[in-house]
């Protein structure tokens, strides 16, 4: 009997270590609505973290060291009768080969968050239905993170998860909740996934692959080759700029990468540096003061 129990425990640990894709931290800042509902928000925070980390979001199996580190920061602006409104900052990183460094792949602030949550209610994800705005919000960003991460390792490697995110948007549009429709603004969930998987997003996805696999991942063994890969990725983004100047995807890219690019090229000598600086000013003109200091 003891052997059977230990076998069950071992199989459970094995299943749990190979499956779920995300290693998420959820933080809720509710200071704007006071401290009278601390228990509610602590329960919500714990529930969301367990939901993200214990759900298997795709058909891929991830080992413990392969899980994607991400952070969900919910800032609550209002709370009444179990309805929460505010903004959600979603951040995700990916390790760089042969280094202790993790590179940001997404840093997005969704400013139009609203959902209902009853304390201690169970959260379940069904990819074929819209069950609640909270579940759809978290499921959408979980799939976007996994999809973008997949794109950094293989050309179009995130197709499955990005298509799943698009399906979530489609189902959620019937709910009437904000952020899921084309008419809900120009920087919402609809545009985020639509622009990534549409034809114009091809250059962005190609650049994500080149920047990471041919750029950052090469830098530990060959610094010049790594910088060449990053330069190539910026030229790929230039193709997107030619089709759609100042696009939403360009902002998404540089919201994640500006500080990193500044660190890579600051104070160094590189054969392509002048071309890189010129491209950066063209692709991300709002950061020109930073590029000038390179």
C-alpha atoms as a PDB file:
ATOM      1  CA  UNK A   1       0.000   0.000   0.000  1.00  0.00           C
ATOM      2  CA  UNK A   2       2.832   2.400   0.873  1.00  0.00           C
ATOM      3  CA  UNK A   3       4.454   1.743  -2.503  1.00  0.00           C
ATOM      4  CA  UNK A   4       1.173   2.604  -4.231  1.00  0.00           C
ATOM      5  CA  UNK A   5       0.878   5.867  -2.285  1.00  0.00           C
ATOM      6  CA  UNK A   6       4.431   6.892  -3.155  1.00  0.00           C
ATOM      7  CA  UNK A   7       3.830   6.011  -6.793  1.00  0.00           C
ATOM      8  CA  UNK A   8       0.769   8.281  -6.854  1.00  0.00           C
ATOM      9  CA  UNK A   9       2.744  11.102  -5.246  1.00  0.00           C
ATOM     10  CA  UNK A  10       5.575  10.672  -7.750  1.00  0.00           C
ATOM     11  CA  UNK A  11       3.211  10.697 -10.723  1.00  0.00           C
ATOM     12  CA  UNK A  12       1.463  13.782  -9.374  1.00  0.00           C
ATOM     13  CA  UNK A  13       4.767  15.637  -9.023  1.00  0.00           C
ATOM     14  CA  UNK A  14       5.820  14.544 -12.502  1.00  0.00           C
ATOM     15  CA  UNK A  15       2.585  15.759 -14.061  1.00  0.00           C
ATOM     16  CA  UNK A  16       2.778  19.075 -12.240  1.00  0.00           C
ATOM     17  CA  UNK A  17       6.398  19.688 -13.269  1.00  0.00           C
ATOM     18  CA  UNK A  18       5.675  18.993 -16.931  1.00  0.00           C
ATOM     19  CA  UNK A  19       2.614  20.875 -18.013  1.00  0.00           C
ATOM     20  CA  UNK A  20       1.774  24.367 -16.887  1.00  0.00           C
ATOM     21  CA  UNK A  21       3.653  26.970 -18.895  1.00  0.00           C
ATOM     22  CA  UNK A  22       3.722  30.029 -16.632  1.00  0.00           C
ATOM     23  CA  UNK A  23       5.468  30.951 -13.406  1.00  0.00           C
ATOM     24  CA  UNK A  24       3.443  34.024 -12.542  1.00  0.00           C
ATOM     25  CA  UNK A  25       3.387  36.518  -9.713  1.00  0.00           C
ATOM     26  CA  UNK A  26       0.173  38.466  -9.164  1.00  0.00           C
ATOM     27  CA  UNK A  27       0.191  41.734  -7.242  1.00  0.00           C
ATOM     28  CA  UNK A  28      -2.885  43.818  -6.462  1.00  0.00           C
ATOM     29  CA  UNK A  29      -2.551  47.466  -5.460  1.00  0.00           C
ATOM     30  CA  UNK A  30      -5.848  48.568  -3.885  1.00  0.00           C
ATOM     31  CA  UNK A  31      -4.583  51.610  -1.979  1.00  0.00           C
ATOM     32  CA  UNK A  32      -6.891  53.916  -3.956  1.00  0.00           C
ATOM     33  CA  UNK A  33      -9.980  52.217  -2.507  1.00  0.00           C
ATOM     34  CA  UNK A  34      -8.750  52.060   1.094  1.00  0.00           C
ATOM     35  CA  UNK A  35      -7.921  49.196   3.415  1.00  0.00           C
ATOM     36  CA  UNK A  36     -11.394  48.037   4.413  1.00  0.00           C
ATOM     37  CA  UNK A  37     -11.399  45.181   1.867  1.00  0.00           C
ATOM     38  CA  UNK A  38      -7.910  43.794   2.405  1.00  0.00           C
ATOM     39  CA  UNK A  39      -9.119  40.210   2.886  1.00  0.00           C
ATOM     40  CA  UNK A  40     -11.104  40.313  -0.372  1.00  0.00           C
ATOM     41  CA  UNK A  41      -8.145  41.516  -2.427  1.00  0.00           C
ATOM     42  CA  UNK A  42      -5.718  39.113  -0.755  1.00  0.00           C
ATOM     43  CA  UNK A  43      -8.051  36.245  -1.665  1.00  0.00           C
ATOM     44  CA  UNK A  44      -8.363  37.555  -5.230  1.00  0.00           C
ATOM     45  CA  UNK A  45      -4.587  37.894  -5.531  1.00  0.00           C
ATOM     46  CA  UNK A  46      -4.019  34.324  -4.342  1.00  0.00           C
ATOM     47  CA  UNK A  47      -6.824  32.955  -6.497  1.00  0.00           C
ATOM     48  CA  UNK A  48      -5.473  34.629  -9.645  1.00  0.00           C
ATOM     49  CA  UNK A  49      -1.933  33.447  -9.032  1.00  0.00           C
ATOM     50  CA  UNK A  50      -3.097  29.868  -8.556  1.00  0.00           C
ATOM     51  CA  UNK A  51      -5.319  30.130 -11.631  1.00  0.00           C
ATOM     52  CA  UNK A  52      -2.478  31.321 -13.866  1.00  0.00           C
ATOM     53  CA  UNK A  53       0.103  28.869 -12.555  1.00  0.00           C
ATOM     54  CA  UNK A  54      -2.087  25.766 -12.276  1.00  0.00           C
ATOM     55  CA  UNK A  55      -3.829  25.991 -15.640  1.00  0.00           C
ATOM     56  CA  UNK A  56      -2.382  24.250 -18.660  1.00  0.00           C
ATOM     57  CA  UNK A  57      -2.803  26.817 -21.409  1.00  0.00           C
ATOM     58  CA  UNK A  58      -1.499  24.943 -24.450  1.00  0.00           C
ATOM     59  CA  UNK A  59      -0.699  21.483 -25.787  1.00  0.00           C
ATOM     60  CA  UNK A  60       3.023  21.951 -25.110  1.00  0.00           C
ATOM     61  CA  UNK A  61       4.722  20.443 -22.066  1.00  0.00           C
ATOM     62  CA  UNK A  62       7.057  22.685 -20.084  1.00  0.00           C
ATOM     63  CA  UNK A  63       9.685  21.506 -17.618  1.00  0.00           C
ATOM     64  CA  UNK A  64      10.134  23.395 -14.353  1.00  0.00           C
ATOM     65  CA  UNK A  65      13.095  25.408 -15.677  1.00  0.00           C
ATOM     66  CA  UNK A  66      11.266  26.172 -18.946  1.00  0.00           C
ATOM     67  CA  UNK A  67       8.322  27.952 -17.353  1.00  0.00           C
ATOM     68  CA  UNK A  68       7.854  31.552 -18.430  1.00  0.00           C
ATOM     69  CA  UNK A  69       8.325  34.160 -15.714  1.00  0.00           C
ATOM     70  CA  UNK A  70       5.609  36.806 -15.776  1.00  0.00           C
ATOM     71  CA  UNK A  71       3.999  39.398 -13.542  1.00  0.00           C
ATOM     72  CA  UNK A  72       0.407  40.649 -13.417  1.00  0.00           C
ATOM     73  CA  UNK A  73       0.016  43.944 -11.539  1.00  0.00           C
ATOM     74  CA  UNK A  74      -3.600  44.972 -10.989  1.00  0.00           C
ATOM     75  CA  UNK A  75      -4.114  48.559  -9.850  1.00  0.00           C
ATOM     76  CA  UNK A  76      -7.633  49.005  -8.485  1.00  0.00           C
ATOM     77  CA  UNK A  77      -9.300  52.353  -9.165  1.00  0.00           C
ATOM     78  CA  UNK A  78     -12.760  51.469  -7.888  1.00  0.00           C
ATOM     79  CA  UNK A  79     -14.514  48.659  -6.027  1.00  0.00           C
ATOM     80  CA  UNK A  80     -18.188  48.213  -5.254  1.00  0.00           C
ATOM     81  CA  UNK A  81     -20.488  45.193  -4.830  1.00  0.00           C
ATOM     82  CA  UNK A  82     -17.812  42.701  -5.973  1.00  0.00           C
ATOM     83  CA  UNK A  83     -17.064  44.709  -9.111  1.00  0.00           C
ATOM     84  CA  UNK A  84     -13.442  45.766  -9.612  1.00  0.00           C
ATOM     85  CA  UNK A  85     -12.192  48.371 -12.095  1.00  0.00           C
ATOM     86  CA  UNK A  86      -8.683  49.582 -12.828  1.00  0.00           C
ATOM     87  CA  UNK A  87      -5.638  48.809 -14.940  1.00  0.00           C
ATOM     88  CA  UNK A  88      -3.521  45.716 -15.486  1.00  0.00           C
ATOM     89  CA  UNK A  89       0.217  45.802 -16.155  1.00  0.00           C
ATOM     90  CA  UNK A  90       1.383  42.578 -17.809  1.00  0.00           C
ATOM     91  CA  UNK A  91       5.097  41.813 -17.940  1.00  0.00           C
ATOM     92  CA  UNK A  92       6.927  38.723 -19.158  1.00  0.00           C
ATOM     93  CA  UNK A  93      10.578  37.778 -19.537  1.00  0.00           C
ATOM     94  CA  UNK A  94      12.568  35.079 -21.243  1.00  0.00           C
ATOM     95  CA  UNK A  95      16.048  33.784 -20.291  1.00  0.00           C
ATOM     96  CA  UNK A  96      18.978  34.565 -22.588  1.00  0.00           C
ATOM     97  CA  UNK A  97      21.065  31.574 -23.628  1.00  0.00           C
ATOM     98  CA  UNK A  98      24.274  30.970 -21.642  1.00  0.00           C
ATOM     99  CA  UNK A  99      23.661  33.870 -19.268  1.00  0.00           C
ATOM    100  CA  UNK A 100      21.891  34.746 -16.032  1.00  0.00           C
ATOM    101  CA  UNK A 101      20.053  37.579 -17.784  1.00  0.00           C
ATOM    102  CA  UNK A 102      16.326  37.558 -18.535  1.00  0.00           C
ATOM    103  CA  UNK A 103      15.043  39.771 -21.336  1.00  0.00           C
ATOM    104  CA  UNK A 104      11.600  41.421 -21.382  1.00  0.00           C
ATOM    105  CA  UNK A 105       9.303  40.187 -24.148  1.00  0.00           C
ATOM    106  CA  UNK A 106       6.145  42.036 -23.083  1.00  0.00           C
ATOM    107  CA  UNK A 107       5.431  45.102 -20.963  1.00  0.00           C
ATOM    108  CA  UNK A 108       1.840  46.134 -21.603  1.00  0.00           C
ATOM    109  CA  UNK A 109      -0.541  48.287 -19.588  1.00  0.00           C
ATOM    110  CA  UNK A 110      -4.220  47.526 -20.126  1.00  0.00           C
ATOM    111  CA  UNK A 111      -5.959  50.628 -18.810  1.00  0.00           C
ATOM    112  CA  UNK A 112      -9.545  49.445 -19.210  1.00  0.00           C
ATOM    113  CA  UNK A 113     -10.066  46.555 -16.783  1.00  0.00           C
ATOM    114  CA  UNK A 114     -13.414  45.780 -15.154  1.00  0.00           C
ATOM    115  CA  UNK A 115     -14.726  42.489 -13.799  1.00  0.00           C
ATOM    116  CA  UNK A 116     -16.875  40.889 -11.118  1.00  0.00           C
ATOM    117  CA  UNK A 117     -15.428  38.493  -8.580  1.00  0.00           C
ATOM    118  CA  UNK A 118     -17.128  36.896  -5.573  1.00  0.00           C
ATOM    119  CA  UNK A 119     -14.666  36.041  -2.839  1.00  0.00           C
ATOM    120  CA  UNK A 120     -13.538  32.397  -2.914  1.00  0.00           C
ATOM    121  CA  UNK A 121     -15.247  31.633  -6.224  1.00  0.00           C
ATOM    122  CA  UNK A 122     -13.451  29.066  -8.372  1.00  0.00           C
ATOM    123  CA  UNK A 123     -11.832  30.183 -11.632  1.00  0.00           C
ATOM    124  CA  UNK A 124     -11.869  27.775 -14.565  1.00  0.00           C
ATOM    125  CA  UNK A 125     -10.837  28.330 -18.172  1.00  0.00           C
ATOM    126  CA  UNK A 126     -12.940  26.822 -20.955  1.00  0.00           C
ATOM    127  CA  UNK A 127     -11.480  27.785 -24.355  1.00  0.00           C
ATOM    128  CA  UNK A 128     -14.870  27.271 -25.995  1.00  0.00           C
ATOM    129  CA  UNK A 129     -16.935  29.664 -23.909  1.00  0.00           C
ATOM    130  CA  UNK A 130     -16.999  33.071 -22.240  1.00  0.00           C
ATOM    131  CA  UNK A 131     -17.557  32.413 -18.531  1.00  0.00           C
ATOM    132  CA  UNK A 132     -16.464  35.684 -16.951  1.00  0.00           C
ATOM    133  CA  UNK A 133     -14.559  38.781 -17.930  1.00  0.00           C
ATOM    134  CA  UNK A 134     -11.928  38.070 -15.277  1.00  0.00           C
ATOM    135  CA  UNK A 135     -11.219  34.577 -16.619  1.00  0.00           C
ATOM    136  CA  UNK A 136     -11.100  35.846 -20.202  1.00  0.00           C
ATOM    137  CA  UNK A 137      -8.741  38.698 -19.302  1.00  0.00           C
ATOM    138  CA  UNK A 138      -6.233  36.437 -17.595  1.00  0.00           C
ATOM    139  CA  UNK A 139      -6.567  33.691 -20.214  1.00  0.00           C
ATOM    140  CA  UNK A 140      -6.006  36.218 -23.001  1.00  0.00           C
ATOM    141  CA  UNK A 141      -2.765  37.555 -21.550  1.00  0.00           C
ATOM    142  CA  UNK A 142      -1.553  34.083 -20.587  1.00  0.00           C
ATOM    143  CA  UNK A 143      -1.887  33.000 -24.214  1.00  0.00           C
ATOM    144  CA  UNK A 144      -0.301  36.192 -25.561  1.00  0.00           C
ATOM    145  CA  UNK A 145       2.697  35.675 -23.261  1.00  0.00           C
ATOM    146  CA  UNK A 146       3.124  32.042 -24.298  1.00  0.00           C
ATOM    147  CA  UNK A 147       2.696  32.957 -27.962  1.00  0.00           C
ATOM    148  CA  UNK A 148       5.266  35.755 -27.921  1.00  0.00           C
ATOM    149  CA  UNK A 149       7.685  33.573 -25.982  1.00  0.00           C
ATOM    150  CA  UNK A 150       7.270  30.828 -28.597  1.00  0.00           C
ATOM    151  CA  UNK A 151       7.995  33.306 -31.378  1.00  0.00           C
ATOM    152  CA  UNK A 152      11.364  34.155 -29.808  1.00  0.00           C
ATOM    153  CA  UNK A 153      12.557  30.550 -30.073  1.00  0.00           C
ATOM    154  CA  UNK A 154      11.101  29.509 -33.434  1.00  0.00           C
ATOM    155  CA  UNK A 155       9.788  31.439 -36.427  1.00  0.00           C
ATOM    156  CA  UNK A 156       6.026  31.679 -35.813  1.00  0.00           C
ATOM    157  CA  UNK A 157       6.478  29.261 -32.917  1.00  0.00           C
ATOM    158  CA  UNK A 158       3.681  30.926 -30.974  1.00  0.00           C
ATOM    159  CA  UNK A 159       0.915  30.302 -33.508  1.00  0.00           C
ATOM    160  CA  UNK A 160      -1.200  28.001 -31.337  1.00  0.00           C
ATOM    161  CA  UNK A 161      -1.327  30.321 -28.340  1.00  0.00           C
ATOM    162  CA  UNK A 162      -1.761  33.503 -30.374  1.00  0.00           C
ATOM    163  CA  UNK A 163      -4.704  31.945 -32.212  1.00  0.00           C
ATOM    164  CA  UNK A 164      -6.137  30.923 -28.830  1.00  0.00           C
ATOM    165  CA  UNK A 165      -5.855  34.556 -27.686  1.00  0.00           C
ATOM    166  CA  UNK A 166      -7.686  35.664 -30.842  1.00  0.00           C
ATOM    167  CA  UNK A 167     -10.471  33.173 -30.097  1.00  0.00           C
ATOM    168  CA  UNK A 168     -10.822  34.556 -26.569  1.00  0.00           C
ATOM    169  CA  UNK A 169     -11.284  38.042 -28.024  1.00  0.00           C
ATOM    170  CA  UNK A 170     -13.927  36.743 -30.423  1.00  0.00           C
ATOM    171  CA  UNK A 171     -15.919  35.061 -27.651  1.00  0.00           C
ATOM    172  CA  UNK A 172     -15.548  37.995 -25.251  1.00  0.00           C
ATOM    173  CA  UNK A 173     -16.907  40.500 -27.769  1.00  0.00           C
ATOM    174  CA  UNK A 174     -20.412  39.184 -27.098  1.00  0.00           C
ATOM    175  CA  UNK A 175     -20.135  40.122 -23.410  1.00  0.00           C
ATOM    176  CA  UNK A 176     -20.244  43.878 -23.913  1.00  0.00           C
ATOM    177  CA  UNK A 177     -17.197  44.347 -21.679  1.00  0.00           C
ATOM    178  CA  UNK A 178     -14.755  47.020 -22.816  1.00  0.00           C
ATOM    179  CA  UNK A 179     -11.436  46.358 -24.506  1.00  0.00           C
ATOM    180  CA  UNK A 180     -12.496  43.439 -26.690  1.00  0.00           C
ATOM    181  CA  UNK A 181     -13.892  45.320 -29.691  1.00  0.00           C
ATOM    182  CA  UNK A 182     -12.466  47.413 -32.478  1.00  0.00           C
ATOM    183  CA  UNK A 183     -14.494  50.423 -31.340  1.00  0.00           C
ATOM    184  CA  UNK A 184     -13.197  50.316 -27.740  1.00  0.00           C
ATOM    185  CA  UNK A 185     -10.104  52.409 -28.455  1.00  0.00           C
ATOM    186  CA  UNK A 186      -6.933  52.046 -30.472  1.00  0.00           C
ATOM    187  CA  UNK A 187      -4.668  50.327 -27.925  1.00  0.00           C
ATOM    188  CA  UNK A 188      -6.806  47.537 -26.515  1.00  0.00           C
ATOM    189  CA  UNK A 189      -6.840  43.724 -26.480  1.00  0.00           C
ATOM    190  CA  UNK A 190      -8.552  43.554 -29.866  1.00  0.00           C
ATOM    191  CA  UNK A 191      -5.799  45.517 -31.581  1.00  0.00           C
ATOM    192  CA  UNK A 192      -3.003  43.823 -29.659  1.00  0.00           C
ATOM    193  CA  UNK A 193      -3.790  40.331 -30.937  1.00  0.00           C
ATOM    194  CA  UNK A 194      -5.265  41.405 -34.263  1.00  0.00           C
ATOM    195  CA  UNK A 195      -2.129  43.336 -35.200  1.00  0.00           C
ATOM    196  CA  UNK A 196       0.159  40.485 -34.150  1.00  0.00           C
ATOM    197  CA  UNK A 197      -1.564  37.782 -36.202  1.00  0.00           C
ATOM    198  CA  UNK A 198      -2.545  39.990 -39.163  1.00  0.00           C
ATOM    199  CA  UNK A 199      -0.310  40.285 -42.207  1.00  0.00           C
ATOM    200  CA  UNK A 200       1.294  43.473 -40.950  1.00  0.00           C
ATOM    201  CA  UNK A 201       2.365  41.619 -37.810  1.00  0.00           C
ATOM    202  CA  UNK A 202       4.613  39.279 -39.786  1.00  0.00           C
ATOM    203  CA  UNK A 203       7.541  41.719 -39.619  1.00  0.00           C
ATOM    204  CA  UNK A 204       7.058  42.171 -35.857  1.00  0.00           C
ATOM    205  CA  UNK A 205       7.044  38.423 -35.235  1.00  0.00           C
ATOM    206  CA  UNK A 206      10.058  37.889 -37.473  1.00  0.00           C
ATOM    207  CA  UNK A 207      11.901  40.649 -35.617  1.00  0.00           C
ATOM    208  CA  UNK A 208      11.073  39.051 -32.250  1.00  0.00           C
ATOM    209  CA  UNK A 209      12.621  35.782 -33.441  1.00  0.00           C
ATOM    210  CA  UNK A 210      15.716  37.427 -34.921  1.00  0.00           C
ATOM    211  CA  UNK A 211      16.273  39.796 -31.985  1.00  0.00           C
ATOM    212  CA  UNK A 212      16.261  36.986 -29.442  1.00  0.00           C
ATOM    213  CA  UNK A 213      17.540  33.809 -31.113  1.00  0.00           C
ATOM    214  CA  UNK A 214      19.982  35.406 -33.568  1.00  0.00           C
ATOM    215  CA  UNK A 215      20.754  38.419 -31.400  1.00  0.00           C
ATOM    216  CA  UNK A 216      20.712  38.128 -27.620  1.00  0.00           C
ATOM    217  CA  UNK A 217      21.247  34.346 -27.550  1.00  0.00           C
ATOM    218  CA  UNK A 218      24.500  34.747 -29.519  1.00  0.00           C
ATOM    219  CA  UNK A 219      26.032  37.469 -27.379  1.00  0.00           C
ATOM    220  CA  UNK A 220      27.563  35.226 -24.724  1.00  0.00           C
ATOM    221  CA  UNK A 221      29.678  33.390 -27.326  1.00  0.00           C
ATOM    222  CA  UNK A 222      30.079  36.090 -29.986  1.00  0.00           C
ATOM    223  CA  UNK A 223      29.243  39.669 -29.035  1.00  0.00           C
ATOM    224  CA  UNK A 224      29.576  41.055 -32.561  1.00  0.00           C
ATOM    225  CA  UNK A 225      27.384  38.331 -34.045  1.00  0.00           C
ATOM    226  CA  UNK A 226      24.765  39.046 -31.405  1.00  0.00           C
ATOM    227  CA  UNK A 227      24.726  42.742 -32.212  1.00  0.00           C
ATOM    228  CA  UNK A 228      24.474  41.871 -35.916  1.00  0.00           C
ATOM    229  CA  UNK A 229      21.330  39.878 -35.123  1.00  0.00           C
ATOM    230  CA  UNK A 230      19.809  42.793 -33.227  1.00  0.00           C
ATOM    231  CA  UNK A 231      20.606  45.144 -36.115  1.00  0.00           C
ATOM    232  CA  UNK A 232      18.938  42.679 -38.502  1.00  0.00           C
ATOM    233  CA  UNK A 233      15.812  42.620 -36.323  1.00  0.00           C
ATOM    234  CA  UNK A 234      15.592  46.416 -36.407  1.00  0.00           C
ATOM    235  CA  UNK A 235      15.768  46.325 -40.200  1.00  0.00           C
ATOM    236  CA  UNK A 236      12.876  43.849 -40.143  1.00  0.00           C
ATOM    237  CA  UNK A 237      10.908  46.292 -37.998  1.00  0.00           C
ATOM    238  CA  UNK A 238      11.678  48.943 -40.594  1.00  0.00           C
ATOM    239  CA  UNK A 239       9.549  46.907 -43.022  1.00  0.00           C
ATOM    240  CA  UNK A 240       6.638  47.242 -40.592  1.00  0.00           C
ATOM    241  CA  UNK A 241       7.299  50.973 -40.275  1.00  0.00           C
ATOM    242  CA  UNK A 242       7.157  51.335 -44.067  1.00  0.00           C
ATOM    243  CA  UNK A 243       3.676  49.791 -44.128  1.00  0.00           C
ATOM    244  CA  UNK A 244       2.334  51.361 -40.949  1.00  0.00           C
ATOM    245  CA  UNK A 245       4.379  54.217 -39.422  1.00  0.00           C
ATOM    246  CA  UNK A 246       4.043  54.633 -35.645  1.00  0.00           C
ATOM    247  CA  UNK A 247       2.087  51.385 -35.395  1.00  0.00           C
ATOM    248  CA  UNK A 248       0.734  49.907 -32.173  1.00  0.00           C
ATOM    249  CA  UNK A 249       3.102  46.935 -32.513  1.00  0.00           C
ATOM    250  CA  UNK A 250       6.098  49.232 -32.731  1.00  0.00           C
ATOM    251  CA  UNK A 251       5.057  50.749 -29.428  1.00  0.00           C
ATOM    252  CA  UNK A 252       4.627  47.259 -27.951  1.00  0.00           C
ATOM    253  CA  UNK A 253       8.144  46.322 -29.050  1.00  0.00           C
ATOM    254  CA  UNK A 254       9.837  49.428 -27.681  1.00  0.00           C
ATOM    255  CA  UNK A 255       7.845  49.473 -24.439  1.00  0.00           C
ATOM    256  CA  UNK A 256       9.621  46.183 -23.736  1.00  0.00           C
ATOM    257  CA  UNK A 257      12.996  46.863 -25.351  1.00  0.00           C
ATOM    258  CA  UNK A 258      13.965  50.546 -25.012  1.00  0.00           C
ATOM    259  CA  UNK A 259      15.974  50.226 -21.796  1.00  0.00           C
ATOM    260  CA  UNK A 260      17.615  47.038 -22.994  1.00  0.00           C
ATOM    261  CA  UNK A 261      18.687  48.540 -26.328  1.00  0.00           C
ATOM    262  CA  UNK A 262      19.992  51.576 -24.507  1.00  0.00           C
ATOM    263  CA  UNK A 263      22.089  49.300 -22.294  1.00  0.00           C
ATOM    264  CA  UNK A 264      23.393  47.204 -25.223  1.00  0.00           C
ATOM    265  CA  UNK A 265      24.592  50.136 -27.332  1.00  0.00           C
ATOM    266  CA  UNK A 266      25.493  52.734 -24.712  1.00  0.00           C
ATOM    267  CA  UNK A 267      29.177  53.647 -24.752  1.00  0.00           C
ATOM    268  CA  UNK A 268      30.307  50.864 -27.098  1.00  0.00           C
ATOM    269  CA  UNK A 269      31.992  50.771 -30.494  1.00  0.00           C
ATOM    270  CA  UNK A 270      30.197  48.721 -33.142  1.00  0.00           C
ATOM    271  CA  UNK A 271      30.456  48.752 -36.934  1.00  0.00           C
ATOM    272  CA  UNK A 272      26.681  49.206 -37.295  1.00  0.00           C
ATOM    273  CA  UNK A 273      26.146  51.583 -34.381  1.00  0.00           C
ATOM    274  CA  UNK A 274      25.457  54.696 -36.481  1.00  0.00           C
ATOM    275  CA  UNK A 275      22.972  52.739 -38.602  1.00  0.00           C
ATOM    276  CA  UNK A 276      21.369  51.312 -35.465  1.00  0.00           C
ATOM    277  CA  UNK A 277      20.970  54.767 -33.889  1.00  0.00           C
ATOM    278  CA  UNK A 278      19.492  56.114 -37.128  1.00  0.00           C
ATOM    279  CA  UNK A 279      17.016  53.230 -37.249  1.00  0.00           C
ATOM    280  CA  UNK A 280      16.051  53.662 -33.593  1.00  0.00           C
ATOM    281  CA  UNK A 281      15.295  57.338 -34.136  1.00  0.00           C
ATOM    282  CA  UNK A 282      13.143  56.408 -37.110  1.00  0.00           C
ATOM    283  CA  UNK A 283      11.279  53.550 -35.436  1.00  0.00           C
ATOM    284  CA  UNK A 284      10.889  55.042 -31.942  1.00  0.00           C
ATOM    285  CA  UNK A 285      11.119  58.845 -32.299  1.00  0.00           C
ATOM    286  CA  UNK A 286       9.598  59.454 -28.858  1.00  0.00           C
ATOM    287  CA  UNK A 287      12.809  58.044 -27.385  1.00  0.00           C
ATOM    288  CA  UNK A 288      15.133  60.201 -29.491  1.00  0.00           C
ATOM    289  CA  UNK A 289      16.713  61.818 -26.419  1.00  0.00           C
ATOM    290  CA  UNK A 290      17.813  58.348 -25.245  1.00  0.00           C
ATOM    291  CA  UNK A 291      19.130  57.364 -28.678  1.00  0.00           C
ATOM    292  CA  UNK A 292      21.084  60.630 -28.860  1.00  0.00           C
ATOM    293  CA  UNK A 293      23.002  59.596 -25.766  1.00  0.00           C
ATOM    294  CA  UNK A 294      24.204  56.321 -27.239  1.00  0.00           C
END
